[in-house]
Amino acid sequence: MNITKNIHEWLFSLMPEATASIVEMVLIAVIYLAIFAVAGLYLVLLERRVAAWFQLRLGPNRVGWQGLLQTMADALKLVSKELTVTIKADKFLYNLAPYFVIVTALMALSLFPFSKEFQAFDINIGIFFLTAQTSSDSLANLS
């Protein structure tokens, strides 16, 4: 059962070819963003648990079952914080810097095959592309 092939054929049977291609690209981007977001939430929880283990304390297990709501509470706290901007900063570059980080991380994630049929890029120079892409993440620190 090839789920991506079935979705591809279903989209192309419903709408014109150009529209179906755009919808397919948007769906792929949304899927990768969802994977990226869930992985981020899980890795924050894992980091908190490992830090608690190192420090011999109970850790983030007070909010929700096994502490799963603590990460969500932290995410809501970060979203609700007031944005601060340096007066002398170039506003365009200041606002563009987080996108450098997100795009380079998503492009690095797109190289990894999640199954035989589910990967965004299938290129022969994967390790070189991954190295180049992750090193371009430092552009966000410079801007």
N, C-alpha and C. Protein backbone atom coordinates (compact mmCIF):
# COMPACT_ATOMS: atom_id res chain seq x y z
N MET A 1 0.84 -1.18 0.00
CA MET A 1 0.00 0.00 0.00
C MET A 1 0.89 1.25 0.00
N ASN A 2 0.78 2.02 -1.04
CA ASN A 2 1.58 3.22 -1.18
C ASN A 2 0.69 4.43 -0.97
N ILE A 3 0.74 4.97 0.23
CA ILE A 3 -0.18 6.07 0.58
C ILE A 3 0.12 7.33 -0.21
N THR A 4 1.38 7.66 -0.43
CA THR A 4 1.71 8.89 -1.14
C THR A 4 1.28 8.81 -2.61
N LYS A 5 1.41 7.64 -3.19
CA LYS A 5 0.98 7.46 -4.60
C LYS A 5 -0.54 7.58 -4.70
N ASN A 6 -1.25 7.03 -3.73
CA ASN A 6 -2.72 7.13 -3.74
C ASN A 6 -3.18 8.58 -3.59
N ILE A 7 -2.55 9.33 -2.71
CA ILE A 7 -2.91 10.74 -2.53
C ILE A 7 -2.59 11.52 -3.80
N HIS A 8 -1.45 11.22 -4.41
CA HIS A 8 -1.05 11.89 -5.66
C HIS A 8 -2.09 11.64 -6.75
N GLU A 9 -2.47 10.41 -6.93
CA GLU A 9 -3.46 10.08 -7.97
C GLU A 9 -4.82 10.69 -7.65
N TRP A 10 -5.20 10.71 -6.38
CA TRP A 10 -6.49 11.27 -6.00
C TRP A 10 -6.54 12.78 -6.27
N LEU A 11 -5.46 13.48 -5.93
CA LEU A 11 -5.41 14.92 -6.18
C LEU A 11 -5.47 15.23 -7.67
N PHE A 12 -4.75 14.48 -8.47
CA PHE A 12 -4.72 14.73 -9.90
C PHE A 12 -6.02 14.33 -10.58
N SER A 13 -6.82 13.48 -9.94
CA SER A 13 -8.12 13.15 -10.52
C SER A 13 -9.18 14.19 -10.17
N LEU A 14 -8.96 14.96 -9.10
CA LEU A 14 -9.94 15.95 -8.66
C LEU A 14 -9.79 17.32 -9.31
N MET A 15 -8.56 17.72 -9.59
CA MET A 15 -8.32 19.10 -10.03
C MET A 15 -7.33 19.12 -11.18
N PRO A 16 -7.19 20.30 -11.81
CA PRO A 16 -6.21 20.41 -12.89
C PRO A 16 -4.78 20.13 -12.42
N GLU A 17 -3.92 19.82 -13.38
CA GLU A 17 -2.57 19.37 -13.05
C GLU A 17 -1.77 20.42 -12.28
N ALA A 18 -1.83 21.68 -12.70
CA ALA A 18 -1.06 22.74 -12.02
C ALA A 18 -1.56 22.95 -10.59
N THR A 19 -2.88 22.98 -10.41
CA THR A 19 -3.45 23.16 -9.07
C THR A 19 -3.13 21.98 -8.18
N ALA A 20 -3.22 20.78 -8.73
CA ALA A 20 -2.93 19.57 -7.96
C ALA A 20 -1.47 19.56 -7.52
N SER A 21 -0.57 20.01 -8.38
CA SER A 21 0.85 20.05 -8.01
C SER A 21 1.09 21.03 -6.86
N ILE A 22 0.43 22.19 -6.93
CA ILE A 22 0.59 23.18 -5.86
C ILE A 22 0.02 22.65 -4.56
N VAL A 23 -1.16 22.04 -4.62
CA VAL A 23 -1.78 21.49 -3.41
C VAL A 23 -0.91 20.38 -2.84
N GLU A 24 -0.32 19.57 -3.70
CA GLU A 24 0.56 18.49 -3.24
C GLU A 24 1.79 19.05 -2.53
N MET A 25 2.38 20.11 -3.08
CA MET A 25 3.55 20.73 -2.43
C MET A 25 3.18 21.33 -1.08
N VAL A 26 2.01 21.96 -1.00
CA VAL A 26 1.56 22.54 0.26
C VAL A 26 1.32 21.44 1.30
N LEU A 27 0.72 20.34 0.88
CA LEU A 27 0.50 19.21 1.79
C LEU A 27 1.82 18.64 2.32
N ILE A 28 2.79 18.51 1.45
CA ILE A 28 4.11 18.01 1.87
C ILE A 28 4.74 18.97 2.87
N ALA A 29 4.64 20.27 2.60
CA ALA A 29 5.20 21.26 3.52
C ALA A 29 4.51 21.21 4.88
N VAL A 30 3.19 21.06 4.88
CA VAL A 30 2.44 21.00 6.14
C VAL A 30 2.81 19.74 6.93
N ILE A 31 2.98 18.63 6.23
CA ILE A 31 3.36 17.38 6.91
C ILE A 31 4.74 17.52 7.54
N TYR A 32 5.70 18.10 6.80
CA TYR A 32 7.04 18.27 7.35
C TYR A 32 7.04 19.27 8.51
N LEU A 33 6.26 20.33 8.42
CA LEU A 33 6.17 21.27 9.54
C LEU A 33 5.57 20.61 10.77
N ALA A 34 4.59 19.75 10.57
CA ALA A 34 3.99 19.04 11.71
C ALA A 34 5.00 18.09 12.35
N ILE A 35 5.75 17.37 11.52
CA ILE A 35 6.78 16.47 12.05
C ILE A 35 7.82 17.27 12.81
N PHE A 36 8.21 18.41 12.26
CA PHE A 36 9.21 19.28 12.88
C PHE A 36 8.71 19.80 14.23
N ALA A 37 7.45 20.21 14.29
CA ALA A 37 6.89 20.75 15.53
C ALA A 37 6.78 19.67 16.60
N VAL A 38 6.30 18.51 16.24
CA VAL A 38 6.16 17.42 17.21
C VAL A 38 7.53 16.96 17.69
N ALA A 39 8.49 16.89 16.77
CA ALA A 39 9.85 16.49 17.18
C ALA A 39 10.44 17.52 18.14
N GLY A 40 10.19 18.80 17.89
CA GLY A 40 10.68 19.84 18.79
C GLY A 40 10.08 19.71 20.17
N LEU A 41 8.77 19.49 20.23
CA LEU A 41 8.12 19.34 21.54
C LEU A 41 8.66 18.11 22.28
N TYR A 42 8.84 17.02 21.56
CA TYR A 42 9.33 15.80 22.20
C TYR A 42 10.77 15.98 22.68
N LEU A 43 11.61 16.64 21.87
CA LEU A 43 13.00 16.80 22.26
C LEU A 43 13.15 17.74 23.46
N VAL A 44 12.28 18.73 23.58
CA VAL A 44 12.31 19.59 24.77
C VAL A 44 11.95 18.76 26.00
N LEU A 45 10.92 17.93 25.89
CA LEU A 45 10.54 17.08 27.02
C LEU A 45 11.67 16.11 27.37
N LEU A 46 12.29 15.53 26.36
CA LEU A 46 13.40 14.60 26.60
C LEU A 46 14.57 15.31 27.27
N GLU A 47 14.87 16.52 26.81
CA GLU A 47 15.98 17.28 27.40
C GLU A 47 15.70 17.60 28.87
N ARG A 48 14.45 17.93 29.19
CA ARG A 48 14.09 18.21 30.58
C ARG A 48 14.23 16.96 31.44
N ARG A 49 13.84 15.83 30.91
CA ARG A 49 13.93 14.59 31.68
C ARG A 49 15.39 14.17 31.92
N VAL A 50 16.23 14.33 30.89
CA VAL A 50 17.64 13.98 31.04
C VAL A 50 18.32 14.93 32.03
N ALA A 51 18.00 16.22 31.94
CA ALA A 51 18.57 17.18 32.89
C ALA A 51 18.13 16.86 34.32
N ALA A 52 16.88 16.46 34.48
CA ALA A 52 16.40 16.08 35.81
C ALA A 52 17.11 14.83 36.31
N TRP A 53 17.38 13.90 35.43
CA TRP A 53 18.08 12.67 35.81
C TRP A 53 19.51 13.00 36.25
N PHE A 54 20.19 13.88 35.50
CA PHE A 54 21.54 14.28 35.87
C PHE A 54 21.57 14.99 37.21
N GLN A 55 20.58 15.80 37.48
CA GLN A 55 20.56 16.62 38.69
C GLN A 55 19.88 15.94 39.86
N LEU A 56 19.48 14.69 39.68
CA LEU A 56 18.83 13.90 40.71
C LEU A 56 17.61 14.61 41.31
N ARG A 57 16.74 15.07 40.44
CA ARG A 57 15.49 15.70 40.88
C ARG A 57 14.33 15.04 40.13
N LEU A 58 13.12 15.39 40.52
CA LEU A 58 11.96 14.71 39.96
C LEU A 58 11.72 15.03 38.49
N GLY A 59 12.00 16.25 38.08
CA GLY A 59 11.83 16.61 36.68
C GLY A 59 10.45 17.12 36.36
N PRO A 60 10.16 17.29 35.09
CA PRO A 60 8.90 17.91 34.66
C PRO A 60 7.75 16.92 34.62
N ASN A 61 7.38 16.37 35.75
CA ASN A 61 6.27 15.42 35.75
C ASN A 61 5.10 15.92 36.59
N ARG A 62 5.00 17.21 36.77
CA ARG A 62 3.95 17.78 37.61
C ARG A 62 2.71 18.20 36.82
N VAL A 63 2.87 18.54 35.54
CA VAL A 63 1.77 19.07 34.73
C VAL A 63 1.33 18.01 33.74
N GLY A 64 0.13 17.50 33.93
CA GLY A 64 -0.38 16.48 32.99
C GLY A 64 0.21 15.11 33.26
N TRP A 65 -0.19 14.15 32.44
CA TRP A 65 0.30 12.78 32.58
C TRP A 65 1.75 12.72 32.12
N GLN A 66 2.64 12.29 32.98
CA GLN A 66 4.07 12.16 32.71
C GLN A 66 4.72 13.49 32.29
N GLY A 67 4.10 14.61 32.64
CA GLY A 67 4.68 15.91 32.33
C GLY A 67 4.52 16.35 30.89
N LEU A 68 3.60 15.75 30.16
CA LEU A 68 3.43 16.08 28.74
C LEU A 68 2.88 17.48 28.51
N LEU A 69 2.15 18.03 29.47
CA LEU A 69 1.58 19.36 29.29
C LEU A 69 2.57 20.47 29.64
N GLN A 70 3.69 20.13 30.26
CA GLN A 70 4.69 21.15 30.61
C GLN A 70 5.29 21.77 29.36
N THR A 71 5.58 20.97 28.37
CA THR A 71 6.15 21.49 27.13
C THR A 71 5.14 22.38 26.41
N MET A 72 3.87 21.97 26.42
CA MET A 72 2.83 22.80 25.80
C MET A 72 2.69 24.12 26.55
N ALA A 73 2.79 24.09 27.86
CA ALA A 73 2.71 25.32 28.64
C ALA A 73 3.90 26.24 28.32
N ASP A 74 5.07 25.67 28.14
CA ASP A 74 6.24 26.47 27.77
C ASP A 74 6.07 27.08 26.38
N ALA A 75 5.51 26.31 25.45
CA ALA A 75 5.28 26.84 24.10
C ALA A 75 4.29 27.99 24.13
N LEU A 76 3.23 27.86 24.89
CA LEU A 76 2.26 28.96 25.02
C LEU A 76 2.89 30.19 25.68
N LYS A 77 3.76 29.95 26.64
CA LYS A 77 4.44 31.07 27.29
C LYS A 77 5.33 31.81 26.30
N LEU A 78 6.05 31.07 25.46
CA LEU A 78 6.92 31.71 24.48
C LEU A 78 6.13 32.48 23.43
N VAL A 79 4.98 31.95 23.03
CA VAL A 79 4.15 32.62 22.03
C VAL A 79 3.56 33.90 22.59
N SER A 80 3.23 33.90 23.88
CA SER A 80 2.57 35.06 24.47
C SER A 80 3.54 36.13 24.96
N LYS A 81 4.83 35.88 24.88
CA LYS A 81 5.80 36.88 25.35
C LYS A 81 5.81 38.09 24.43
N GLU A 82 6.16 39.21 24.99
CA GLU A 82 6.25 40.45 24.21
C GLU A 82 7.51 40.43 23.36
N LEU A 83 7.36 40.83 22.10
CA LEU A 83 8.51 40.88 21.20
C LEU A 83 9.31 42.14 21.48
N THR A 84 10.61 41.98 21.59
CA THR A 84 11.47 43.13 21.81
C THR A 84 12.36 43.31 20.58
N VAL A 85 12.58 44.55 20.20
CA VAL A 85 13.40 44.86 19.04
C VAL A 85 14.43 45.89 19.46
N THR A 86 15.66 45.67 19.03
CA THR A 86 16.71 46.64 19.27
C THR A 86 16.46 47.86 18.39
N ILE A 87 16.66 49.03 18.92
CA ILE A 87 16.36 50.26 18.18
C ILE A 87 17.23 50.40 16.94
N LYS A 88 18.50 50.07 17.03
CA LYS A 88 19.42 50.26 15.92
C LYS A 88 19.45 49.08 14.95
N ALA A 89 18.67 48.04 15.19
CA ALA A 89 18.70 46.86 14.34
C ALA A 89 17.97 47.11 13.03
N ASP A 90 18.45 46.45 11.98
CA ASP A 90 17.75 46.49 10.70
C ASP A 90 16.52 45.59 10.85
N LYS A 91 15.34 46.16 10.78
CA LYS A 91 14.12 45.41 11.09
C LYS A 91 13.89 44.24 10.13
N PHE A 92 14.23 44.42 8.86
CA PHE A 92 14.03 43.35 7.89
C PHE A 92 14.90 42.14 8.23
N LEU A 93 16.19 42.36 8.46
CA LEU A 93 17.09 41.25 8.81
C LEU A 93 16.77 40.67 10.17
N TYR A 94 16.36 41.53 11.10
CA TYR A 94 16.02 41.07 12.45
C TYR A 94 14.82 40.11 12.40
N ASN A 95 13.84 40.42 11.56
CA ASN A 95 12.68 39.55 11.43
C ASN A 95 12.94 38.36 10.53
N LEU A 96 13.94 38.45 9.66
CA LEU A 96 14.24 37.37 8.72
C LEU A 96 15.10 36.27 9.36
N ALA A 97 15.87 36.59 10.38
CA ALA A 97 16.80 35.64 10.99
C ALA A 97 16.15 34.34 11.48
N PRO A 98 14.99 34.37 12.15
CA PRO A 98 14.40 33.10 12.57
C PRO A 98 14.01 32.19 11.40
N TYR A 99 13.68 32.79 10.27
CA TYR A 99 13.33 31.98 9.11
C TYR A 99 14.54 31.24 8.55
N PHE A 100 15.73 31.83 8.65
CA PHE A 100 16.94 31.12 8.25
C PHE A 100 17.09 29.84 9.04
N VAL A 101 16.87 29.93 10.34
CA VAL A 101 17.02 28.76 11.20
C VAL A 101 15.98 27.69 10.85
N ILE A 102 14.73 28.10 10.69
CA ILE A 102 13.66 27.14 10.41
C ILE A 102 13.84 26.50 9.04
N VAL A 103 14.14 27.30 8.03
CA VAL A 103 14.26 26.75 6.67
C VAL A 103 15.44 25.80 6.56
N THR A 104 16.58 26.15 7.17
CA THR A 104 17.73 25.24 7.07
C THR A 104 17.46 23.94 7.82
N ALA A 105 16.79 24.02 8.95
CA ALA A 105 16.47 22.79 9.68
C ALA A 105 15.46 21.94 8.93
N LEU A 106 14.47 22.57 8.31
CA LEU A 106 13.49 21.82 7.53
C LEU A 106 14.11 21.20 6.29
N MET A 107 15.03 21.90 5.65
CA MET A 107 15.70 21.33 4.47
C MET A 107 16.59 20.16 4.87
N ALA A 108 17.20 20.24 6.03
CA ALA A 108 18.00 19.11 6.51
C ALA A 108 17.09 17.93 6.83
N LEU A 109 15.92 18.20 7.41
CA LEU A 109 14.97 17.14 7.75
C LEU A 109 14.40 16.48 6.50
N SER A 110 14.29 17.25 5.42
CA SER A 110 13.67 16.72 4.20
C SER A 110 14.53 15.67 3.52
N LEU A 111 15.79 15.57 3.87
CA LEU A 111 16.66 14.56 3.25
C LEU A 111 16.46 13.16 3.82
N PHE A 112 15.97 13.08 5.04
CA PHE A 112 15.86 11.79 5.69
C PHE A 112 14.61 11.05 5.23
N PRO A 113 14.76 9.81 4.79
CA PRO A 113 13.58 9.04 4.37
C PRO A 113 12.87 8.46 5.60
N PHE A 114 11.58 8.76 5.71
CA PHE A 114 10.80 8.22 6.82
C PHE A 114 10.28 6.83 6.50
N SER A 115 10.12 6.54 5.23
CA SER A 115 9.79 5.20 4.76
C SER A 115 10.33 5.09 3.33
N LYS A 116 10.05 3.98 2.68
CA LYS A 116 10.57 3.79 1.33
C LYS A 116 10.00 4.81 0.34
N GLU A 117 8.75 5.22 0.55
CA GLU A 117 8.11 6.14 -0.37
C GLU A 117 7.99 7.55 0.17
N PHE A 118 8.28 7.80 1.43
CA PHE A 118 8.02 9.11 2.04
C PHE A 118 9.32 9.83 2.37
N GLN A 119 9.77 10.63 1.42
CA GLN A 119 10.87 11.56 1.64
C GLN A 119 10.71 12.68 0.62
N ALA A 120 11.15 13.86 1.00
CA ALA A 120 10.95 15.02 0.13
C ALA A 120 11.98 15.05 -0.99
N PHE A 121 13.24 14.81 -0.69
CA PHE A 121 14.30 14.85 -1.69
C PHE A 121 14.97 13.49 -1.77
N ASP A 122 15.27 13.07 -2.97
CA ASP A 122 16.05 11.85 -3.19
C ASP A 122 17.22 12.24 -4.08
N ILE A 123 18.29 12.71 -3.46
CA ILE A 123 19.44 13.18 -4.23
C ILE A 123 20.65 12.32 -3.90
N ASN A 124 21.57 12.26 -4.85
CA ASN A 124 22.75 11.42 -4.69
C ASN A 124 23.78 12.01 -3.75
N ILE A 125 23.78 13.32 -3.59
CA ILE A 125 24.80 13.99 -2.78
C ILE A 125 24.23 14.40 -1.43
N GLY A 126 23.43 13.53 -0.82
CA GLY A 126 22.71 13.84 0.40
C GLY A 126 23.58 14.33 1.54
N ILE A 127 24.71 13.66 1.81
CA ILE A 127 25.55 14.04 2.95
C ILE A 127 26.20 15.40 2.71
N PHE A 128 26.58 15.68 1.46
CA PHE A 128 27.17 16.98 1.16
C PHE A 128 26.13 18.10 1.25
N PHE A 129 24.94 17.82 0.77
CA PHE A 129 23.86 18.80 0.87
C PHE A 129 23.51 19.05 2.34
N LEU A 130 23.46 18.00 3.14
CA LEU A 130 23.17 18.14 4.56
C LEU A 130 24.23 18.98 5.26
N THR A 131 25.50 18.76 4.96
CA THR A 131 26.58 19.55 5.54
C THR A 131 26.48 21.01 5.14
N ALA A 132 26.24 21.25 3.86
CA ALA A 132 26.13 22.63 3.39
C ALA A 132 24.92 23.32 4.00
N GLN A 133 23.82 22.61 4.08
CA GLN A 133 22.59 23.21 4.59
C GLN A 133 22.70 23.53 6.08
N THR A 134 23.25 22.64 6.86
CA THR A 134 23.36 22.89 8.28
C THR A 134 24.41 23.95 8.59
N SER A 135 25.42 24.09 7.74
CA SER A 135 26.39 25.15 7.98
C SER A 135 25.85 26.52 7.61
N SER A 136 24.85 26.57 6.74
CA SER A 136 24.25 27.86 6.40
C SER A 136 23.34 28.37 7.51
N ASP A 137 23.12 27.58 8.54
CA ASP A 137 22.33 28.00 9.69
C ASP A 137 23.00 29.14 10.43
N SER A 138 24.33 29.26 10.31
CA SER A 138 25.04 30.33 11.01
C SER A 138 24.72 31.70 10.43
N LEU A 139 24.10 31.76 9.26
CA LEU A 139 23.68 33.06 8.70
C LEU A 139 22.68 33.75 9.61
N ALA A 140 21.88 32.97 10.31
CA ALA A 140 20.90 33.57 11.21
C ALA A 140 21.59 34.28 12.37
N ASN A 141 22.71 33.76 12.81
CA ASN A 141 23.44 34.40 13.90
C ASN A 141 24.12 35.68 13.46
N LEU A 142 24.49 35.74 12.18
CA LEU A 142 25.18 36.92 11.67
C LEU A 142 24.23 38.07 11.41
N SER A 143 22.96 37.75 11.10
CA SER A 143 22.02 38.83 10.77
C SER A 143 21.37 39.42 11.99
